[in-house]
C-alpha cells in the first residue's frame, strides 16, 4: 500500500504525497471543485433544450431506468453534443497552456505563432476553390492550415 503523507514546502504551500507522487493541496481542491462544476453543468446541459427534462429524468436515462424517448434525447442528441463541447473546450485550454508555456508569456494566444491566420487562409482556399467540399472537411482543412503555419 502506498504511503500517504502531508508536508509543507519551503514556499509555505502544503503538498500531499501518495507514494513518490506529490500534488499541492490547493491544486487538488481546485481540481475537485472544477470536476463538480463540470458535473453540474453537464446535468444542466442535458436537461435543457427543446424538450425540457428534469434532472432526475436525465440521471435515470444515463443509468437506463427511463423511457425510450427520454433515453433517445439524452444519449443520441444531448450527450454527444455536450461531450464534443467539453472536448473542444479542453483542447482550447490545453492549446493556450502550451502556447503560454512555450512563449513564456501569460498573454500568448494562437495568433502569436500565426496559427489562427494559417487556419483562416486554408479555410478560405477551400471555400473559394472547392465550394462543394463537405462541412466536416473544412475543419480538417483549417487544422492542416494551422499545422502548416506552425511548422
Protein backbone atom coordinates (compact mmCIF):
# COMPACT_ATOMS: atom_id res chain seq x y z
CA UNK A 1 0.00 0.00 0.00
CA UNK A 2 1.44 3.42 -0.94
CA UNK A 3 2.49 5.74 1.84
CA UNK A 4 0.37 8.92 2.18
CA UNK A 5 1.86 11.99 3.81
CA UNK A 6 1.17 15.71 4.05
CA UNK A 7 4.02 18.22 4.27
CA UNK A 8 4.68 21.93 3.90
CA UNK A 9 7.21 23.07 1.31
CA UNK A 10 9.67 25.95 1.60
CA UNK A 11 7.24 28.39 -0.01
CA UNK A 12 4.64 27.61 2.67
CA UNK A 13 2.31 25.57 0.45
CA UNK A 14 1.06 22.22 1.65
CA UNK A 15 1.69 19.16 -0.52
CA UNK A 16 0.01 15.79 -0.37
CA UNK A 17 2.30 12.87 -1.21
CA UNK A 18 0.96 9.49 -2.26
CA UNK A 19 4.00 7.30 -2.64
CA UNK A 20 6.56 9.17 -4.75
CA UNK A 21 3.96 11.49 -6.30
CA UNK A 22 3.09 14.84 -4.78
CA UNK A 23 0.42 17.43 -5.50
CA UNK A 24 -0.20 20.81 -3.96
CA UNK A 25 -3.31 20.72 -1.81
CA UNK A 26 -4.80 23.88 -3.34
CA UNK A 27 -4.38 22.36 -6.84
CA UNK A 28 -6.16 19.21 -5.67
CA UNK A 29 -9.02 21.22 -4.16
CA UNK A 30 -9.29 23.33 -7.33
CA UNK A 31 -9.45 20.18 -9.47
CA UNK A 32 -12.18 18.69 -7.31
CA UNK A 33 -14.23 21.93 -7.45
CA UNK A 34 -13.85 22.06 -11.25
CA UNK A 35 -14.90 18.40 -11.56
CA UNK A 36 -18.06 19.01 -9.54
CA UNK A 37 -18.73 22.17 -11.56
CA UNK A 38 -18.41 20.19 -14.80
CA UNK A 39 -20.80 17.57 -13.43
CA UNK A 40 -23.35 20.26 -12.55
CA UNK A 41 -23.03 21.98 -15.93
CA UNK A 42 -23.36 18.64 -17.70
CA UNK A 43 -26.61 17.88 -15.88
CA UNK A 44 -27.94 21.34 -16.74
CA UNK A 45 -26.91 20.95 -20.37
CA UNK A 46 -28.51 17.53 -20.64
CA UNK A 47 -31.78 18.67 -19.06
CA UNK A 48 -32.38 21.91 -21.01
CA UNK A 49 -33.38 22.05 -24.65
CA UNK A 50 -36.44 21.91 -26.87
CA UNK A 51 -37.76 19.07 -24.72
CA UNK A 52 -37.38 20.08 -21.09
CA UNK A 53 -36.30 17.24 -18.83
CA UNK A 54 -35.98 17.09 -15.08
CA UNK A 55 -32.54 16.38 -13.65
CA UNK A 56 -33.88 13.13 -12.20
CA UNK A 57 -35.05 12.10 -15.69
CA UNK A 58 -31.58 12.77 -17.09
CA UNK A 59 -29.94 10.70 -14.36
CA UNK A 60 -32.45 7.90 -14.93
CA UNK A 61 -31.75 7.98 -18.67
CA UNK A 62 -28.00 7.81 -18.09
CA UNK A 63 -28.44 4.67 -16.00
CA UNK A 64 -31.02 3.11 -18.32
CA UNK A 65 -34.02 3.49 -16.00
CA UNK A 66 -36.11 5.81 -18.18
CA UNK A 67 -38.46 5.62 -21.12
CA UNK A 68 -37.16 5.04 -24.63
CA UNK A 69 -37.95 8.61 -25.72
CA UNK A 70 -36.06 10.20 -22.83
CA UNK A 71 -33.11 7.86 -23.34
CA UNK A 72 -33.00 8.77 -27.04
CA UNK A 73 -32.98 12.50 -26.29
CA UNK A 74 -30.22 12.16 -23.70
CA UNK A 75 -27.99 9.54 -25.37
CA UNK A 76 -28.42 10.34 -29.05
CA UNK A 77 -28.91 14.11 -29.08
CA UNK A 78 -27.67 15.90 -25.99
CA UNK A 79 -24.82 13.77 -24.63
CA UNK A 80 -22.78 13.70 -27.87
CA UNK A 81 -23.22 17.46 -28.23
CA UNK A 82 -22.10 18.06 -24.64
CA UNK A 83 -19.11 15.71 -24.92
CA UNK A 84 -17.98 17.39 -28.13
CA UNK A 85 -18.23 20.82 -26.49
CA UNK A 86 -16.32 19.61 -23.41
CA UNK A 87 -13.56 18.05 -25.53
CA UNK A 88 -13.29 21.20 -27.67
CA UNK A 89 -13.06 23.37 -24.56
CA UNK A 90 -10.39 21.11 -23.11
CA UNK A 91 -8.41 21.24 -26.35
CA UNK A 92 -8.59 25.05 -26.46
CA UNK A 93 -7.47 25.26 -22.83
CA UNK A 94 -4.54 22.92 -23.45
CA UNK A 95 -3.61 24.89 -26.57
CA UNK A 96 -3.49 28.09 -24.55
CA UNK A 97 -1.50 26.48 -21.74
CA UNK A 98 1.08 25.02 -24.13
CA UNK A 99 1.48 28.28 -26.06
CA UNK A 100 1.80 30.30 -22.88
CA UNK A 101 4.43 27.89 -21.57
CA UNK A 102 6.41 27.85 -24.83
CA UNK A 103 6.30 31.62 -25.27
CA UNK A 104 6.90 32.37 -21.58
CA UNK A 105 4.12 34.93 -21.85
CA UNK A 106 0.84 34.73 -19.95
CA UNK A 107 -0.90 36.64 -22.76
CA UNK A 108 0.19 34.33 -25.60
CA UNK A 109 -2.52 33.12 -27.98
CA UNK A 110 -2.60 31.14 -31.26
CA UNK A 111 -2.25 34.37 -33.24
CA UNK A 112 1.23 34.83 -31.79
CA UNK A 113 2.61 31.98 -33.91
CA UNK A 114 0.33 32.57 -36.89
CA UNK A 115 -1.83 29.51 -36.23
CA UNK A 116 -5.12 31.38 -36.49
CA UNK A 117 -4.11 33.05 -39.72
CA UNK A 118 -2.99 29.72 -41.23
CA UNK A 119 -6.34 28.17 -40.36
CA UNK A 120 -8.24 31.10 -41.89
CA UNK A 121 -6.19 31.02 -45.11
CA UNK A 122 -6.72 27.28 -45.53
CA UNK A 123 -10.45 27.65 -44.90
CA UNK A 124 -10.74 30.49 -47.40
CA UNK A 125 -8.84 28.48 -50.04
CA UNK A 126 -11.28 25.62 -49.53
CA UNK A 127 -14.32 27.89 -49.72
CA UNK A 128 -13.16 29.78 -52.83
CA UNK A 129 -11.62 26.99 -54.90
CA UNK A 130 -13.56 24.00 -53.62
CA UNK A 131 -17.01 25.29 -52.54
CA UNK A 132 -18.62 21.84 -52.66
CA UNK A 133 -16.29 20.37 -50.02
CA UNK A 134 -18.17 18.74 -47.15
CA UNK A 135 -18.51 20.81 -43.99
CA UNK A 136 -16.60 18.24 -41.95
CA UNK A 137 -13.59 18.53 -44.23
CA UNK A 138 -13.45 22.30 -43.74
CA UNK A 139 -12.43 21.76 -40.14
CA UNK A 140 -9.72 19.35 -41.20
CA UNK A 141 -8.54 21.89 -43.78
CA UNK A 142 -8.36 24.58 -41.09
CA UNK A 143 -6.37 22.23 -38.86
CA UNK A 144 -3.99 21.46 -41.71
CA UNK A 145 -3.56 25.18 -42.40
CA UNK A 146 -2.75 25.85 -38.74
CA UNK A 147 -0.23 23.00 -38.72
CA UNK A 148 1.46 24.29 -41.88
CA UNK A 149 1.64 27.79 -40.41
CA UNK A 150 3.05 26.41 -37.17
CA UNK A 151 5.70 24.36 -38.95
